[in-house]
């Protein structure tokens, strides 16, 4: 069903789920530290897209060097 070369990209969502669970638990334990401000919102919105973009660019660079 899935191409085995692109299987590593499916590891992104479990990592993001684990990070979300970690921050959820950490927020319950120390609620005064995790105040939502503009920087946290920007990080949550653009962080996953930035990680995926970096993975795609690194993958493209490594494929070019192999040829």
N, C-alpha and C. Protein backbone atom coordinates (compact mmCIF):
# COMPACT_ATOMS: atom_id res chain seq x y z
N UNK A 1 0.83 -1.20 0.00
CA UNK A 1 0.00 0.00 0.00
C UNK A 1 0.87 1.26 0.00
N UNK A 2 1.92 1.26 0.81
CA UNK A 2 2.81 2.42 0.87
C UNK A 2 4.13 2.09 0.20
N UNK A 3 4.70 3.08 -0.43
CA UNK A 3 6.03 2.91 -1.02
C UNK A 3 7.05 2.84 0.12
N UNK A 4 7.94 1.88 0.08
CA UNK A 4 8.86 1.68 1.21
C UNK A 4 9.89 2.80 1.31
N UNK A 5 10.18 3.51 0.22
CA UNK A 5 11.12 4.63 0.29
C UNK A 5 10.53 5.80 1.06
N UNK A 6 9.25 6.00 0.96
CA UNK A 6 8.60 7.13 1.62
C UNK A 6 8.07 6.77 3.00
N UNK A 7 8.38 5.58 3.49
CA UNK A 7 7.88 5.15 4.78
C UNK A 7 8.44 5.99 5.92
N UNK A 8 9.64 6.55 5.74
CA UNK A 8 10.23 7.36 6.80
C UNK A 8 9.43 8.64 7.05
N UNK A 9 8.69 9.11 6.05
CA UNK A 9 7.89 10.31 6.26
C UNK A 9 6.69 10.03 7.16
N UNK A 10 6.28 8.76 7.25
CA UNK A 10 5.17 8.42 8.13
C UNK A 10 5.61 8.37 9.59
N UNK A 11 6.91 8.50 9.85
CA UNK A 11 7.40 8.58 11.22
C UNK A 11 7.21 9.98 11.80
N UNK A 12 6.90 10.94 10.97
CA UNK A 12 6.74 12.32 11.44
C UNK A 12 5.52 12.44 12.34
N UNK A 13 4.40 11.82 11.96
CA UNK A 13 3.19 12.01 12.77
C UNK A 13 3.27 11.33 14.12
N UNK A 14 3.89 10.15 14.28
CA UNK A 14 3.99 9.62 15.65
C UNK A 14 4.88 10.49 16.53
N UNK A 15 5.92 11.06 15.95
CA UNK A 15 6.80 11.93 16.73
C UNK A 15 6.03 13.17 17.16
N UNK A 16 5.24 13.74 16.27
CA UNK A 16 4.48 14.94 16.64
C UNK A 16 3.40 14.61 17.68
N UNK A 17 2.81 13.42 17.60
CA UNK A 17 1.81 13.03 18.61
C UNK A 17 2.49 12.86 19.97
N UNK A 18 3.66 12.22 19.99
CA UNK A 18 4.38 12.05 21.25
C UNK A 18 4.79 13.40 21.84
N UNK A 19 5.22 14.33 21.00
CA UNK A 19 5.54 15.68 21.50
C UNK A 19 4.30 16.37 22.06
N UNK A 20 3.17 16.22 21.39
CA UNK A 20 1.94 16.84 21.88
C UNK A 20 1.53 16.25 23.23
N UNK A 21 1.66 14.93 23.36
CA UNK A 21 1.33 14.29 24.64
C UNK A 21 2.28 14.77 25.74
N UNK A 22 3.57 14.87 25.41
CA UNK A 22 4.55 15.34 26.38
C UNK A 22 4.21 16.75 26.86
N UNK A 23 3.91 17.66 25.92
CA UNK A 23 3.59 19.02 26.31
C UNK A 23 2.27 19.09 27.08
N UNK A 24 1.35 18.19 26.78
CA UNK A 24 0.08 18.15 27.50
C UNK A 24 0.31 17.77 28.96
N UNK A 25 1.12 16.73 29.17
CA UNK A 25 1.42 16.28 30.53
C UNK A 25 2.23 17.35 31.27
N UNK A 26 3.22 17.91 30.59
CA UNK A 26 4.04 18.96 31.20
C UNK A 26 3.21 20.18 31.56
N UNK A 27 2.23 20.50 30.71
CA UNK A 27 1.34 21.62 30.99
C UNK A 27 0.45 21.37 32.20
N UNK A 28 0.03 20.13 32.40
CA UNK A 28 -0.76 19.81 33.59
C UNK A 28 0.08 19.90 34.85
N UNK A 29 1.36 19.51 34.76
CA UNK A 29 2.22 19.53 35.94
C UNK A 29 2.67 20.93 36.31
N UNK A 30 3.02 21.75 35.32
CA UNK A 30 3.50 23.11 35.57
C UNK A 30 2.76 24.09 34.67
N UNK A 31 1.54 24.43 35.02
CA UNK A 31 0.74 25.28 34.12
C UNK A 31 1.22 26.73 34.04
N UNK A 32 1.95 27.20 35.06
CA UNK A 32 2.36 28.61 35.03
C UNK A 32 3.51 28.86 34.05
N UNK A 33 4.21 27.80 33.65
CA UNK A 33 5.36 27.98 32.76
C UNK A 33 4.91 28.10 31.30
N UNK A 34 3.93 27.32 30.91
CA UNK A 34 3.51 27.27 29.51
C UNK A 34 2.39 28.27 29.23
N UNK A 35 2.72 29.52 29.24
CA UNK A 35 1.76 30.55 28.86
C UNK A 35 1.75 30.67 27.34
N UNK A 36 0.57 30.72 26.76
CA UNK A 36 0.46 30.81 25.31
C UNK A 36 0.70 32.26 24.90
N UNK A 37 1.71 32.45 24.07
CA UNK A 37 1.96 33.77 23.50
C UNK A 37 2.13 33.61 21.99
N UNK A 38 2.44 34.69 21.33
CA UNK A 38 2.51 34.65 19.87
C UNK A 38 3.61 33.73 19.38
N UNK A 39 4.73 33.66 20.09
CA UNK A 39 5.84 32.83 19.64
C UNK A 39 5.48 31.35 19.73
N UNK A 40 4.76 30.94 20.76
CA UNK A 40 4.35 29.55 20.89
C UNK A 40 3.37 29.19 19.78
N UNK A 41 2.46 30.08 19.46
CA UNK A 41 1.49 29.82 18.39
C UNK A 41 2.22 29.70 17.06
N UNK A 42 3.17 30.58 16.79
CA UNK A 42 3.94 30.49 15.55
C UNK A 42 4.72 29.18 15.47
N UNK A 43 5.30 28.77 16.58
CA UNK A 43 6.06 27.53 16.61
C UNK A 43 5.15 26.33 16.35
N UNK A 44 3.97 26.32 16.95
CA UNK A 44 3.04 25.20 16.76
C UNK A 44 2.47 25.16 15.34
N UNK A 45 2.32 26.32 14.72
CA UNK A 45 1.75 26.36 13.37
C UNK A 45 2.80 26.03 12.32
N UNK A 46 3.96 26.68 12.40
CA UNK A 46 4.95 26.54 11.35
C UNK A 46 6.04 25.51 11.65
N UNK A 47 6.11 25.00 12.87
CA UNK A 47 7.15 24.04 13.23
C UNK A 47 7.09 22.75 12.43
N UNK A 48 5.93 22.07 12.38
CA UNK A 48 5.87 20.82 11.61
C UNK A 48 6.15 21.02 10.12
N UNK A 49 5.66 22.11 9.56
CA UNK A 49 5.93 22.38 8.14
C UNK A 49 7.42 22.61 7.91
N UNK A 50 8.08 23.27 8.85
CA UNK A 50 9.52 23.51 8.73
C UNK A 50 10.30 22.21 8.81
N UNK A 51 9.90 21.31 9.69
CA UNK A 51 10.58 20.01 9.82
C UNK A 51 10.41 19.19 8.53
N UNK A 52 9.20 19.15 7.99
CA UNK A 52 8.96 18.40 6.76
C UNK A 52 9.76 19.00 5.60
N UNK A 53 9.81 20.32 5.52
CA UNK A 53 10.57 20.98 4.47
C UNK A 53 12.05 20.67 4.59
N UNK A 54 12.58 20.68 5.81
CA UNK A 54 14.00 20.35 5.99
C UNK A 54 14.27 18.91 5.59
N UNK A 55 13.39 17.98 5.94
CA UNK A 55 13.57 16.58 5.54
C UNK A 55 13.55 16.41 4.03
N UNK A 56 12.63 17.09 3.36
CA UNK A 56 12.56 16.98 1.91
C UNK A 56 13.79 17.57 1.23
N UNK A 57 14.28 18.70 1.74
CA UNK A 57 15.47 19.33 1.15
C UNK A 57 16.69 18.46 1.39
N UNK A 58 16.85 17.93 2.59
CA UNK A 58 17.99 17.06 2.86
C UNK A 58 17.94 15.79 2.02
N UNK A 59 16.76 15.25 1.85
CA UNK A 59 16.60 14.06 1.01
C UNK A 59 16.99 14.37 -0.42
N UNK A 60 16.59 15.51 -0.93
CA UNK A 60 16.92 15.91 -2.30
C UNK A 60 18.42 16.14 -2.45
N UNK A 61 19.05 16.76 -1.45
CA UNK A 61 20.49 17.02 -1.50
C UNK A 61 21.27 15.71 -1.49
N UNK A 62 20.85 14.78 -0.64
CA UNK A 62 21.55 13.51 -0.54
C UNK A 62 21.39 12.67 -1.80
N UNK A 63 20.25 12.74 -2.45
CA UNK A 63 20.04 12.02 -3.71
C UNK A 63 20.89 12.61 -4.82
N UNK A 64 21.06 13.94 -4.83
CA UNK A 64 21.88 14.58 -5.86
C UNK A 64 23.34 14.19 -5.70
N UNK A 65 23.83 14.11 -4.46
CA UNK A 65 25.21 13.76 -4.21
C UNK A 65 25.50 12.32 -4.57
N UNK A 66 24.52 11.42 -4.47
CA UNK A 66 24.74 10.02 -4.80
C UNK A 66 24.93 9.82 -6.29
N UNK A 67 24.29 10.66 -7.11
CA UNK A 67 24.40 10.52 -8.57
C UNK A 67 25.64 11.14 -9.01
